[in-house]
Amino acid sequence: MKMARSIYEITENFPKKEIVGLTSQMRRCAISIPSNIAEGAGRGSDADFSRFLIIARGSLCELETQYLLSKQMGFIEEGIDLLPEIQKLMQMLSGLIRHLRNRDS
């Protein structure tokens, strides 16, 4: 959820012409990550949880791409770097997915 808050704050300064473009897309991806984690956790089975974690990881990959594009286009201020946090979340999601799969075996 911290990532989603960060994305909302960063996209607040994007050009108005990007409201239906990158701003909207990045916000949807950022919200999708914790939403899928929560939904998967609430399903009650490791298989379902793992499937929703994979969806969350896919949304994180999308968000990373959109973040990098936004940086290249100059929409994100210098000094703001979310890549370490994105990579940390990727590792955490991948580790949890592995753990659930190993527990299932």
C-alpha atoms as a PDB file:
ATOM      1  CA  MET A   1       0.000   0.000   0.000  1.00  0.00           C
ATOM      2  CA  LYS A   2       2.988   2.273   0.545  1.00  0.00           C
ATOM      3  CA  MET A   3       3.848   1.879  -3.149  1.00  0.00           C
ATOM      4  CA  ALA A   4       0.295   2.819  -4.151  1.00  0.00           C
ATOM      5  CA  ARG A   5       0.479   5.977  -2.006  1.00  0.00           C
ATOM      6  CA  SER A   6       3.852   6.867  -3.568  1.00  0.00           C
ATOM      7  CA  ILE A   7       2.463   6.424  -7.083  1.00  0.00           C
ATOM      8  CA  TYR A   8      -0.540   8.607  -6.303  1.00  0.00           C
ATOM      9  CA  GLU A   9       1.765  11.328  -4.989  1.00  0.00           C
ATOM     10  CA  ILE A  10       4.162  11.123  -7.941  1.00  0.00           C
ATOM     11  CA  THR A  11       1.436  11.108 -10.603  1.00  0.00           C
ATOM     12  CA  GLU A  12      -0.185  14.146  -8.999  1.00  0.00           C
ATOM     13  CA  ASN A  13       2.490  16.208 -10.787  1.00  0.00           C
ATOM     14  CA  PHE A  14       2.156  14.534 -14.196  1.00  0.00           C
ATOM     15  CA  PRO A  15       0.962  16.672 -17.112  1.00  0.00           C
ATOM     16  CA  LYS A  16      -2.820  17.028 -17.244  1.00  0.00           C
ATOM     17  CA  LYS A  17      -2.831  15.466 -20.718  1.00  0.00           C
ATOM     18  CA  GLU A  18      -1.647  12.217 -19.064  1.00  0.00           C
ATOM     19  CA  ILE A  19      -4.671  11.871 -16.760  1.00  0.00           C
ATOM     20  CA  VAL A  20      -6.261   9.238 -19.003  1.00  0.00           C
ATOM     21  CA  GLY A  21      -2.862   7.840 -19.993  1.00  0.00           C
ATOM     22  CA  LEU A  22       0.051   7.094 -17.716  1.00  0.00           C
ATOM     23  CA  THR A  23      -1.471   8.647 -14.601  1.00  0.00           C
ATOM     24  CA  SER A  24      -4.551   6.442 -14.722  1.00  0.00           C
ATOM     25  CA  GLN A  25      -2.660   3.326 -15.793  1.00  0.00           C
ATOM     26  CA  MET A  26       0.006   3.649 -13.105  1.00  0.00           C
ATOM     27  CA  ARG A  27      -2.585   4.225 -10.414  1.00  0.00           C
ATOM     28  CA  ARG A  28      -4.614   1.188 -11.499  1.00  0.00           C
ATOM     29  CA  CYS A  29      -1.494  -0.995 -11.437  1.00  0.00           C
ATOM     30  CA  ALA A  30      -0.429   0.344  -8.051  1.00  0.00           C
ATOM     31  CA  ILE A  31      -3.869  -0.341  -6.554  1.00  0.00           C
ATOM     32  CA  SER A  32      -4.013  -3.771  -8.173  1.00  0.00           C
ATOM     33  CA  ILE A  33      -0.935  -4.999  -6.292  1.00  0.00           C
ATOM     34  CA  PRO A  34      -2.222  -4.820  -2.678  1.00  0.00           C
ATOM     35  CA  SER A  35      -5.775  -5.569  -3.825  1.00  0.00           C
ATOM     36  CA  ASN A  36      -4.762  -8.892  -5.381  1.00  0.00           C
ATOM     37  CA  ILE A  37      -2.629  -9.785  -2.367  1.00  0.00           C
ATOM     38  CA  ALA A  38      -5.595  -9.122  -0.067  1.00  0.00           C
ATOM     39  CA  GLU A  39      -8.067 -11.009  -2.240  1.00  0.00           C
ATOM     40  CA  GLY A  40      -5.749 -14.000  -2.553  1.00  0.00           C
ATOM     41  CA  ALA A  41      -5.123 -14.087   1.198  1.00  0.00           C
ATOM     42  CA  GLY A  42      -8.853 -14.103   1.775  1.00  0.00           C
ATOM     43  CA  ARG A  43      -9.513 -17.039  -0.514  1.00  0.00           C
ATOM     44  CA  GLY A  44      -8.422 -19.607   2.043  1.00  0.00           C
ATOM     45  CA  SER A  45      -6.147 -21.839  -0.017  1.00  0.00           C
ATOM     46  CA  ASP A  46      -2.467 -21.684  -0.868  1.00  0.00           C
ATOM     47  CA  ALA A  47      -3.222 -22.352  -4.540  1.00  0.00           C
ATOM     48  CA  ASP A  48      -5.612 -19.401  -4.774  1.00  0.00           C
ATOM     49  CA  PHE A  49      -3.272 -17.173  -2.769  1.00  0.00           C
ATOM     50  CA  SER A  50      -0.373 -18.091  -5.063  1.00  0.00           C
ATOM     51  CA  ARG A  51      -2.452 -17.353  -8.179  1.00  0.00           C
ATOM     52  CA  PHE A  52      -3.381 -13.885  -6.903  1.00  0.00           C
ATOM     53  CA  LEU A  53       0.235 -13.205  -5.904  1.00  0.00           C
ATOM     54  CA  ILE A  54       1.254 -13.974  -9.478  1.00  0.00           C
ATOM     55  CA  ILE A  55      -1.325 -11.467 -10.724  1.00  0.00           C
ATOM     56  CA  ALA A  56       0.022  -8.882  -8.239  1.00  0.00           C
ATOM     57  CA  ARG A  57       3.560  -9.546  -9.485  1.00  0.00           C
ATOM     58  CA  GLY A  58       2.383  -8.994 -13.065  1.00  0.00           C
ATOM     59  CA  SER A  59       0.869  -5.659 -12.067  1.00  0.00           C
ATOM     60  CA  LEU A  60       4.152  -4.732 -10.411  1.00  0.00           C
ATOM     61  CA  CYS A  61       6.013  -5.531 -13.654  1.00  0.00           C
ATOM     62  CA  GLU A  62       3.595  -3.282 -15.548  1.00  0.00           C
ATOM     63  CA  LEU A  63       4.091  -0.536 -12.981  1.00  0.00           C
ATOM     64  CA  GLU A  64       7.867  -0.806 -13.265  1.00  0.00           C
ATOM     65  CA  THR A  65       7.662  -0.354 -17.045  1.00  0.00           C
ATOM     66  CA  GLN A  66       5.348   2.637 -16.729  1.00  0.00           C
ATOM     67  CA  TYR A  67       7.548   4.149 -14.013  1.00  0.00           C
ATOM     68  CA  LEU A  68      10.659   3.828 -16.203  1.00  0.00           C
ATOM     69  CA  LEU A  69       8.833   5.368 -19.170  1.00  0.00           C
ATOM     70  CA  SER A  70       7.631   8.245 -16.994  1.00  0.00           C
ATOM     71  CA  LYS A  71      11.200   8.845 -15.813  1.00  0.00           C
ATOM     72  CA  GLN A  72      12.475   8.857 -19.422  1.00  0.00           C
ATOM     73  CA  MET A  73       9.770  11.327 -20.422  1.00  0.00           C
ATOM     74  CA  GLY A  74      10.735  13.655 -17.574  1.00  0.00           C
ATOM     75  CA  PHE A  75       7.430  13.336 -15.720  1.00  0.00           C
ATOM     76  CA  ILE A  76       9.119  12.266 -12.476  1.00  0.00           C
ATOM     77  CA  GLU A  77      11.344  14.684 -10.592  1.00  0.00           C
ATOM     78  CA  GLU A  78      15.055  14.021 -10.305  1.00  0.00           C
ATOM     79  CA  GLY A  79      15.928  12.449  -6.999  1.00  0.00           C
ATOM     80  CA  ILE A  80      12.776  10.344  -6.828  1.00  0.00           C
ATOM     81  CA  ASP A  81      13.736   6.699  -7.262  1.00  0.00           C
ATOM     82  CA  LEU A  82      11.173   3.992  -6.638  1.00  0.00           C
ATOM     83  CA  LEU A  83      13.159   1.259  -8.409  1.00  0.00           C
ATOM     84  CA  PRO A  84      14.727  -0.118  -5.206  1.00  0.00           C
ATOM     85  CA  GLU A  85      11.277  -0.385  -3.639  1.00  0.00           C
ATOM     86  CA  ILE A  86       9.827  -1.966  -6.790  1.00  0.00           C
ATOM     87  CA  GLN A  87      12.656  -4.520  -6.847  1.00  0.00           C
ATOM     88  CA  LYS A  88      12.213  -5.256  -3.143  1.00  0.00           C
ATOM     89  CA  LEU A  89       8.492  -5.874  -3.651  1.00  0.00           C
ATOM     90  CA  MET A  90       9.295  -8.129  -6.615  1.00  0.00           C
ATOM     91  CA  GLN A  91      11.622 -10.203  -4.439  1.00  0.00           C
ATOM     92  CA  MET A  92       9.078 -10.401  -1.631  1.00  0.00           C
ATOM     93  CA  LEU A  93       6.263 -11.512  -3.943  1.00  0.00           C
ATOM     94  CA  SER A  94       8.484 -14.050  -5.710  1.00  0.00           C
ATOM     95  CA  GLY A  95       9.704 -15.417  -2.385  1.00  0.00           C
ATOM     96  CA  LEU A  96       6.173 -15.811  -1.056  1.00  0.00           C
ATOM     97  CA  ILE A  97       5.059 -17.525  -4.268  1.00  0.00           C
ATOM     98  CA  ARG A  98       8.008 -19.953  -3.993  1.00  0.00           C
ATOM     99  CA  HIS A  99       7.211 -20.597  -0.341  1.00  0.00           C
ATOM    100  CA  LEU A 100       3.572 -21.426  -1.106  1.00  0.00           C
ATOM    101  CA  ARG A 101       4.539 -23.696  -3.997  1.00  0.00           C
ATOM    102  CA  ASN A 102       7.115 -25.548  -1.884  1.00  0.00           C
ATOM    103  CA  ARG A 103       4.633 -25.945   0.947  1.00  0.00           C
ATOM    104  CA  ASP A 104       2.171 -27.373  -1.542  1.00  0.00           C
ATOM    105  CA  SER A 105       4.650 -29.998  -2.784  1.00  0.00           C
END
